[in-house]
Protein backbone atom coordinates (compact mmCIF):
# COMPACT_ATOMS: atom_id res chain seq x y z
CA MET A 1 -61.58 -195.86 54.64
CA ALA A 2 -59.63 -194.73 51.21
CA ASP A 3 -56.89 -194.01 53.52
CA GLU A 4 -56.93 -197.41 55.10
CA ALA A 5 -56.99 -199.09 51.90
CA ALA A 6 -53.85 -197.19 50.64
CA THR A 7 -51.83 -197.87 53.59
CA ALA A 8 -53.07 -201.61 53.22
CA GLU A 9 -51.72 -201.47 49.42
CA GLU A 10 -48.19 -199.68 50.26
CA SER A 11 -47.87 -202.05 53.82
CA THR A 12 -48.33 -205.18 50.99
CA GLU A 13 -45.75 -203.31 48.71
CA GLU A 14 -43.64 -203.25 50.93
CA THR A 15 -44.04 -206.35 52.58
CA GLU A 16 -43.02 -208.70 49.13
CA ALA A 17 -40.11 -206.00 48.17
CA VAL A 18 -38.64 -207.22 52.28
CA GLU A 19 -39.78 -210.66 50.88
CA GLU A 20 -37.54 -210.64 47.95
CA THR A 21 -34.81 -208.74 49.84
CA VAL A 22 -34.42 -211.32 52.31
CA GLU A 23 -34.94 -214.23 49.58
CA ASP A 24 -31.87 -212.45 48.00
CA THR A 25 -29.87 -212.57 50.52
CA LYS A 26 -30.30 -216.17 52.09
CA VAL A 27 -27.58 -218.31 51.93
CA THR A 28 -27.81 -221.66 50.01
CA PRO A 29 -26.07 -224.99 51.15
CA GLU A 30 -23.89 -224.63 48.68
CA ASP A 31 -22.43 -220.62 49.75
CA ASP A 32 -22.61 -222.27 53.42
CA TRP A 33 -20.30 -224.47 52.55
CA LYS A 34 -18.01 -222.41 50.96
CA ALA A 35 -17.98 -220.14 53.85
CA LYS A 36 -16.85 -222.52 56.24
CA ALA A 37 -14.13 -223.60 53.77
CA ARG A 38 -12.58 -220.60 53.44
CA LYS A 39 -12.97 -220.29 57.08
CA HIS A 40 -11.03 -223.24 57.87
CA GLU A 41 -8.14 -222.43 55.22
CA LYS A 42 -7.54 -219.13 57.13
CA ALA A 43 -7.57 -220.75 60.43
CA ALA A 44 -5.40 -223.55 58.79
CA LYS A 45 -2.93 -220.84 57.64
CA GLN A 46 -2.40 -219.15 60.91
CA ALA A 47 -1.65 -222.30 62.88
CA ARG A 48 0.95 -223.35 60.20
CA GLU A 49 2.83 -219.82 60.67
CA ALA A 50 2.16 -219.83 64.54
CA LEU A 51 3.67 -223.60 64.27
CA GLU A 52 6.41 -222.50 61.90
CA SER A 53 7.11 -219.41 64.44
CA ALA A 54 7.09 -221.84 67.52
CA GLN A 55 9.71 -224.02 65.79
CA THR A 56 11.93 -220.92 65.37
CA GLU A 57 11.78 -219.88 68.70
CA LEU A 58 12.14 -223.48 70.32
CA LYS A 59 15.49 -224.23 67.93
CA LYS A 60 16.65 -220.50 69.37
CA TYR A 61 16.23 -221.94 73.02
CA GLU A 62 17.50 -225.24 72.53
CA ASP A 63 20.58 -223.51 70.32
CA ARG A 64 21.04 -221.00 73.34
CA ASP A 65 21.65 -223.72 76.27
CA LYS A 66 23.90 -225.96 73.54
CA SER A 67 27.36 -225.65 74.82
CA GLU A 68 30.06 -224.60 72.69
CA ALA A 69 31.07 -228.76 72.24
CA ASP A 70 27.56 -229.60 71.34
CA LYS A 71 27.77 -227.19 68.70
CA ALA A 72 31.32 -228.03 67.12
CA GLU A 73 30.09 -231.90 67.78
CA GLU A 74 27.56 -231.05 65.50
CA ALA A 75 29.56 -229.29 62.69
CA ARG A 76 31.87 -232.07 63.19
CA LYS A 77 29.09 -234.83 61.83
CA ALA A 78 27.91 -232.41 58.92
CA LEU A 79 31.10 -232.08 57.76
CA GLU A 80 31.48 -235.81 58.23
CA ALA A 81 28.75 -236.54 56.25
CA ARG A 82 29.62 -234.29 53.58
CA ALA A 83 32.91 -235.70 53.20
CA SER A 84 31.63 -239.07 53.13
CA LYS A 85 29.91 -238.26 50.01
CA ALA A 86 32.56 -236.49 48.16
CA GLU A 87 34.87 -239.65 48.70
CA ALA A 88 31.88 -241.64 47.11
CA GLU A 89 31.87 -239.60 44.43
CA LEU A 90 35.37 -239.25 44.06
CA LEU A 91 35.83 -243.37 43.94
CA ARG A 92 33.08 -243.45 40.87
CA LEU A 93 35.28 -240.96 39.60
CA LYS A 94 37.98 -243.08 39.04
CA VAL A 95 36.23 -246.54 39.07
CA ALA A 96 34.87 -244.83 35.72
CA GLN A 97 38.19 -243.28 34.43
CA LYS A 98 39.62 -247.06 34.83
CA LYS A 99 36.87 -248.57 33.08
CA ASN A 100 37.11 -246.08 30.34
CA LEU A 101 34.07 -244.85 31.20
CA PRO A 102 32.74 -240.75 30.12
CA PRO A 103 32.44 -239.09 33.35
CA GLU A 104 28.85 -238.64 32.88
CA LEU A 105 27.93 -242.09 33.43
CA ALA A 106 30.45 -242.11 36.97
CA GLU A 107 27.48 -241.40 38.86
CA ARG A 108 25.05 -244.26 37.36
CA LEU A 109 27.37 -246.78 39.13
CA ARG A 110 26.09 -248.35 41.72
CA GLY A 111 28.13 -250.08 44.64
CA GLU A 112 29.17 -249.38 48.17
CA THR A 113 33.02 -251.20 47.42
CA GLU A 114 35.62 -250.37 44.60
CA GLU A 115 35.25 -254.02 44.11
CA GLU A 116 30.97 -253.34 43.56
CA LEU A 117 31.83 -250.45 41.44
CA GLU A 118 33.90 -252.22 38.93
CA GLU A 119 31.86 -255.12 38.41
CA ASP A 120 29.02 -252.62 38.14
CA ALA A 121 31.29 -250.40 35.65
CA GLU A 122 32.46 -253.41 33.67
CA ARG A 123 28.76 -254.08 33.01
CA LEU A 124 28.01 -251.01 31.98
CA SER A 125 31.22 -250.49 29.53
CA GLU A 126 30.27 -253.61 27.80
CA LEU A 127 26.96 -251.67 27.33
CA VAL A 128 28.62 -248.09 25.76
CA LYS A 129 31.34 -250.11 24.06
CA PRO A 130 32.18 -248.54 20.55
CA GLY A 131 31.94 -250.40 17.48
CA LYS A 132 29.60 -252.65 19.62
CA PRO A 133 26.27 -252.76 17.35
CA SER A 134 23.24 -251.09 18.72
CA VAL A 135 20.28 -252.21 19.25
CA ASP A 136 18.29 -251.01 15.84
CA THR A 137 14.55 -249.12 17.14
CA ASP A 138 14.40 -247.94 13.53
CA ALA A 139 14.04 -251.98 12.36
CA GLY A 140 12.68 -251.69 8.46
CA LYS A 141 13.08 -248.10 7.92
CA GLY A 142 16.09 -248.04 5.83
CA LYS A 143 19.10 -247.06 8.85
CA ALA A 144 21.82 -249.63 8.90
CA ALA A 145 22.94 -250.47 12.11
CA SER A 146 26.78 -249.11 11.01
CA GLU A 147 25.40 -245.76 11.34
CA ALA A 148 24.79 -245.77 14.86
CA PRO A 149 27.13 -243.42 17.00
CA THR A 150 30.19 -244.51 18.14
CA ASP A 151 30.90 -241.31 20.39
CA PRO A 152 30.97 -242.17 23.97
CA ALA A 153 29.34 -239.28 24.83
CA ALA A 154 26.43 -240.38 22.57
CA LEU A 155 26.26 -243.82 23.76
CA ALA A 156 26.27 -242.65 26.95
CA ASP A 157 22.95 -240.71 25.69
CA ARG A 158 21.69 -243.64 24.55
CA VAL A 159 22.21 -245.67 27.60
CA SER A 160 20.27 -243.24 29.78
CA ARG A 161 17.90 -243.05 27.52
CA ASP A 162 17.28 -246.65 27.92
CA TYR A 163 17.19 -246.60 31.58
């Protein structure tokens, strides 16, 4: 009978230990959510990698089937786009030079035609004209307007900050 009591007591202790272990390993709803999120993130990453790989393969197959004329046509279109961008930049620089604007302000000119660019350059040159009184943002702080910078680069910097 003493053996039965000792065995029952040991059995109870083992059961309590197992129950504590089970409680410690139970997954809380928060942990379960995090695990699912990690699982889905991993799957999404693998799907992105597979998509990128498939797009690369598709491009290879498309290029393989293209004739030399098609490839040359694509290259021609890319070069034309590059040339038109360079021509527009050159035109802006020419107009800026004609209107005595610093080259740094040329990229700020707006318009498609030379006339539109010249009109915009006129408006901009009025803002950066040397000797023109500038707006005194430090009014009442003792700084005279005559101390305003007359250097075109400094004025261009001031104009760029104001816009």
